[in-house]
C-alpha atoms as a PDB file:
ATOM      1  CA  MET A   1     352.832 250.295 140.357  1.00  0.00           C
ATOM      2  CA  THR A   2     354.032 250.295 143.878  1.00  0.00           C
ATOM      3  CA  SER A   3     356.077 253.006 145.505  1.00  0.00           C
ATOM      4  CA  ASN A   4     359.267 253.003 147.933  1.00  0.00           C
ATOM      5  CA  ARG A   5     357.067 253.671 150.622  1.00  0.00           C
ATOM      6  CA  ASP A   6     354.887 250.535 149.908  1.00  0.00           C
ATOM      7  CA  ARG A   7     358.463 248.329 149.686  1.00  0.00           C
ATOM      8  CA  ARG A   8     360.215 249.306 152.618  1.00  0.00           C
ATOM      9  CA  ARG A   9     356.834 249.021 154.456  1.00  0.00           C
ATOM     10  CA  SER A  10     356.803 245.358 153.417  1.00  0.00           C
ATOM     11  CA  GLU A  11     360.574 244.290 153.601  1.00  0.00           C
ATOM     12  CA  ARG A  12     360.403 245.538 156.853  1.00  0.00           C
ATOM     13  CA  GLY A  13     358.993 241.983 158.690  1.00  0.00           C
ATOM     14  CA  SER A  14     361.396 239.892 156.367  1.00  0.00           C
ATOM     15  CA  VAL A  15     364.453 242.055 157.438  1.00  0.00           C
ATOM     16  CA  ILE A  16     363.275 240.720 161.324  1.00  0.00           C
ATOM     17  CA  VAL A  17     362.710 237.059 160.331  1.00  0.00           C
ATOM     18  CA  GLU A  18     366.031 237.014 158.346  1.00  0.00           C
ATOM     19  CA  LEU A  19     367.763 238.507 161.442  1.00  0.00           C
ATOM     20  CA  SER A  20     366.318 236.087 163.823  1.00  0.00           C
ATOM     21  CA  LEU A  21     367.226 233.066 161.323  1.00  0.00           C
ATOM     22  CA  ILE A  22     370.683 233.952 161.511  1.00  0.00           C
ATOM     23  CA  GLY A  23     370.913 234.809 165.132  1.00  0.00           C
ATOM     24  CA  LEU A  24     369.872 231.491 165.938  1.00  0.00           C
ATOM     25  CA  ILE A  25     372.191 230.195 163.767  1.00  0.00           C
ATOM     26  CA  PHE A  26     375.019 231.794 165.457  1.00  0.00           C
ATOM     27  CA  ALA A  27     373.875 231.599 168.996  1.00  0.00           C
ATOM     28  CA  VAL A  28     373.921 227.828 168.544  1.00  0.00           C
ATOM     29  CA  LEU A  29     377.663 228.035 166.629  1.00  0.00           C
ATOM     30  CA  VAL A  30     378.880 230.280 169.058  1.00  0.00           C
ATOM     31  CA  ILE A  31     377.837 227.873 172.576  1.00  0.00           C
ATOM     32  CA  GLY A  32     379.066 224.615 170.302  1.00  0.00           C
ATOM     33  CA  ILE A  33     382.860 226.534 169.972  1.00  0.00           C
ATOM     34  CA  MET A  34     382.280 226.875 173.732  1.00  0.00           C
ATOM     35  CA  ASP A  35     381.603 223.514 174.377  1.00  0.00           C
ATOM     36  CA  PHE A  36     384.107 222.442 172.274  1.00  0.00           C
ATOM     37  CA  ALA A  37     387.082 224.696 174.037  1.00  0.00           C
ATOM     38  CA  GLN A  38     385.391 223.779 177.338  1.00  0.00           C
ATOM     39  CA  PHE A  39     386.387 220.565 176.755  1.00  0.00           C
ATOM     40  CA  LEU A  40     389.410 220.807 175.139  1.00  0.00           C
ATOM     41  CA  PHE A  41     390.512 223.246 178.423  1.00  0.00           C
ATOM     42  CA  TYR A  42     389.406 220.120 180.500  1.00  0.00           C
ATOM     43  CA  GLN A  43     390.998 217.706 178.375  1.00  0.00           C
ATOM     44  CA  GLN A  44     394.266 219.449 178.680  1.00  0.00           C
ATOM     45  CA  ALA A  45     394.007 220.300 182.543  1.00  0.00           C
ATOM     46  CA  LEU A  46     393.369 216.660 183.560  1.00  0.00           C
ATOM     47  CA  LEU A  47     395.996 215.469 181.212  1.00  0.00           C
ATOM     48  CA  GLU A  48     399.033 218.501 182.974  1.00  0.00           C
ATOM     49  CA  ARG A  49     397.474 217.216 186.321  1.00  0.00           C
ATOM     50  CA  VAL A  50     398.095 213.558 185.247  1.00  0.00           C
ATOM     51  CA  ARG A  51     401.816 214.120 184.027  1.00  0.00           C
ATOM     52  CA  SER A  52     402.535 216.425 186.628  1.00  0.00           C
ATOM     53  CA  ALA A  53     401.527 213.361 189.517  1.00  0.00           C
ATOM     54  CA  ALA A  54     403.546 211.581 187.868  1.00  0.00           C
ATOM     55  CA  ARG A  55     406.618 213.040 186.966  1.00  0.00           C
ATOM     56  CA  TRP A  56     406.369 214.051 190.910  1.00  0.00           C
ATOM     57  CA  GLY A  57     406.509 210.227 191.648  1.00  0.00           C
ATOM     58  CA  ALA A  58     409.657 209.584 189.650  1.00  0.00           C
ATOM     59  CA  VAL A  59     411.037 211.747 191.168  1.00  0.00           C
ATOM     60  CA  THR A  60     410.186 211.235 194.876  1.00  0.00           C
ATOM     61  CA  ASP A  61     409.010 207.455 195.486  1.00  0.00           C
ATOM     62  CA  PRO A  62     407.448 205.539 192.665  1.00  0.00           C
ATOM     63  CA  THR A  63     406.226 202.607 195.178  1.00  0.00           C
ATOM     64  CA  ASN A  64     404.157 205.421 197.201  1.00  0.00           C
ATOM     65  CA  THR A  65     400.930 204.871 194.957  1.00  0.00           C
ATOM     66  CA  ALA A  66     398.304 206.887 197.397  1.00  0.00           C
ATOM     67  CA  ALA A  67     400.284 210.181 197.568  1.00  0.00           C
ATOM     68  CA  ILE A  68     401.192 210.087 193.880  1.00  0.00           C
ATOM     69  CA  ALA A  69     396.955 209.600 193.099  1.00  0.00           C
ATOM     70  CA  ASP A  70     396.335 212.386 195.537  1.00  0.00           C
ATOM     71  CA  MET A  71     398.514 214.085 193.813  1.00  0.00           C
ATOM     72  CA  VAL A  72     396.249 213.969 190.483  1.00  0.00           C
ATOM     73  CA  LEU A  73     393.293 214.219 193.170  1.00  0.00           C
ATOM     74  CA  TYR A  74     394.339 217.592 194.926  1.00  0.00           C
ATOM     75  CA  SER A  75     397.844 218.532 193.789  1.00  0.00           C
ATOM     76  CA  GLN A  76     399.487 217.689 197.295  1.00  0.00           C
ATOM     77  CA  PRO A  77     400.552 214.444 198.234  1.00  0.00           C
ATOM     78  CA  ALA A  78     398.134 214.334 201.023  1.00  0.00           C
ATOM     79  CA  ASP A  79     394.258 214.447 201.250  1.00  0.00           C
ATOM     80  CA  PRO A  80     393.969 218.021 202.872  1.00  0.00           C
ATOM     81  CA  GLY A  81     391.049 216.966 204.786  1.00  0.00           C
ATOM     82  CA  GLY A  82     388.498 219.303 205.893  1.00  0.00           C
ATOM     83  CA  GLY A  83     385.607 218.030 202.923  1.00  0.00           C
ATOM     84  CA  VAL A  84     387.595 219.383 200.430  1.00  0.00           C
ATOM     85  CA  SER A  85     386.465 218.146 196.883  1.00  0.00           C
ATOM     86  CA  ALA A  86     388.711 216.568 194.471  1.00  0.00           C
ATOM     87  CA  SER A  87     389.774 219.001 190.782  1.00  0.00           C
ATOM     88  CA  PHE A  88     387.488 218.519 187.978  1.00  0.00           C
ATOM     89  CA  GLY A  89     384.801 216.444 189.971  1.00  0.00           C
ATOM     90  CA  LEU A  90     387.514 213.139 190.536  1.00  0.00           C
ATOM     91  CA  THR A  91     387.211 210.452 192.551  1.00  0.00           C
ATOM     92  CA  PRO A  92     389.785 208.442 194.210  1.00  0.00           C
ATOM     93  CA  SER A  93     387.939 205.453 192.297  1.00  0.00           C
ATOM     94  CA  MET A  94     388.809 207.368 188.989  1.00  0.00           C
ATOM     95  CA  VAL A  95     392.543 207.144 189.711  1.00  0.00           C
ATOM     96  CA  SER A  96     394.579 204.198 189.125  1.00  0.00           C
ATOM     97  CA  VAL A  97     398.341 204.004 189.971  1.00  0.00           C
ATOM     98  CA  THR A  98     400.240 200.588 188.903  1.00  0.00           C
ATOM     99  CA  THR A  99     404.219 200.491 188.851  1.00  0.00           C
ATOM    100  CA  GLN A 100     405.185 197.364 186.278  1.00  0.00           C
ATOM    101  CA  ASP A 101     407.856 195.440 186.064  1.00  0.00           C
ATOM    102  CA  ALA A 102     409.780 196.160 189.427  1.00  0.00           C
ATOM    103  CA  GLY A 103     414.103 195.060 189.037  1.00  0.00           C
ATOM    104  CA  THR A 104     414.363 195.743 185.768  1.00  0.00           C
ATOM    105  CA  ASP A 105     414.854 198.363 182.724  1.00  0.00           C
ATOM    106  CA  ASP A 106     411.264 198.689 181.889  1.00  0.00           C
ATOM    107  CA  TYR A 107     410.585 199.391 185.177  1.00  0.00           C
ATOM    108  CA  ARG A 108     407.287 201.684 185.116  1.00  0.00           C
ATOM    109  CA  LEU A 109     405.531 203.879 186.630  1.00  0.00           C
ATOM    110  CA  ILE A 110     401.748 204.090 184.782  1.00  0.00           C
ATOM    111  CA  VAL A 111     399.041 206.836 186.075  1.00  0.00           C
ATOM    112  CA  GLN A 112     395.649 206.416 184.696  1.00  0.00           C
ATOM    113  CA  VAL A 113     392.489 208.757 184.673  1.00  0.00           C
ATOM    114  CA  SER A 114     389.418 207.086 183.279  1.00  0.00           C
ATOM    115  CA  GLY A 115     385.644 207.677 184.355  1.00  0.00           C
ATOM    116  CA  TYR A 116     385.678 211.321 184.174  1.00  0.00           C
ATOM    117  CA  SER A 117     382.781 213.518 182.586  1.00  0.00           C
ATOM    118  CA  PHE A 118     382.027 216.463 181.528  1.00  0.00           C
ATOM    119  CA  ARG A 119     378.547 219.103 180.672  1.00  0.00           C
ATOM    120  CA  VAL A 120     377.585 220.008 177.268  1.00  0.00           C
ATOM    121  CA  LEU A 121     375.037 222.814 176.912  1.00  0.00           C
ATOM    122  CA  SER A 122     374.825 223.254 172.994  1.00  0.00           C
ATOM    123  CA  PRO A 123     371.432 222.418 172.268  1.00  0.00           C
ATOM    124  CA  VAL A 124     371.604 219.185 170.077  1.00  0.00           C
ATOM    125  CA  LEU A 125     374.062 217.090 171.949  1.00  0.00           C
ATOM    126  CA  ALA A 126     373.023 218.763 175.510  1.00  0.00           C
ATOM    127  CA  GLY A 127     374.056 216.160 178.529  1.00  0.00           C
ATOM    128  CA  LYS A 128     376.756 214.593 180.272  1.00  0.00           C
ATOM    129  CA  TYR A 129     379.482 212.758 178.653  1.00  0.00           C
ATOM    130  CA  PHE A 130     382.668 210.605 179.455  1.00  0.00           C
ATOM    131  CA  GLY A 131     386.113 211.376 178.247  1.00  0.00           C
ATOM    132  CA  ALA A 132     388.724 209.148 177.426  1.00  0.00           C
ATOM    133  CA  PRO A 133     391.049 207.379 179.604  1.00  0.00           C
ATOM    134  CA  ILE A 134     394.267 209.629 180.655  1.00  0.00           C
ATOM    135  CA  ARG A 135     397.211 207.430 181.190  1.00  0.00           C
ATOM    136  CA  ILE A 136     400.523 208.571 181.374  1.00  0.00           C
ATOM    137  CA  SER A 137     403.650 205.576 181.333  1.00  0.00           C
ATOM    138  CA  VAL A 138     407.366 207.146 183.473  1.00  0.00           C
ATOM    139  CA  PRO A 139     410.092 204.501 183.000  1.00  0.00           C
ATOM    140  CA  LEU A 140     412.220 204.505 185.604  1.00  0.00           C
ATOM    141  CA  GLY A 141     414.298 201.085 184.756  1.00  0.00           C
ATOM    142  CA  LEU A 142     416.990 203.396 183.589  1.00  0.00           C
ATOM    143  CA  TYR A 143     417.391 206.074 186.008  1.00  0.00           C
ATOM    144  CA  GLN A 144     417.117 204.049 189.229  1.00  0.00           C
END
């Protein structure tokens, strides 16, 4: 017959093993949640940046595609110069600004960002991933 003291001594090691397994699973879940939250933040911030630039372009001058692209890149209508990098690691080649069907009721300003990337820290999925293109189309024909 084993005493309570012997039983507690034999259970001491199993508690540490169980805690380490649960702790590992918990840590992986927390990192995964943080990666997903980072992706959602990045996607929403870029989407809002493109929407804002499209609105600005529709109100000011939809034909000034360079200024609209700079609004996406720098949140201002001109490159600030001085080696200032664009937000979210964007480059001018990732931003496309076009107009479509000028002079008709279907006249549109189209702003698109594609080829942007983000890093994932989760141990299983670690690496660099590319986001889906973000495309905003603003109707201009009815308002001009």
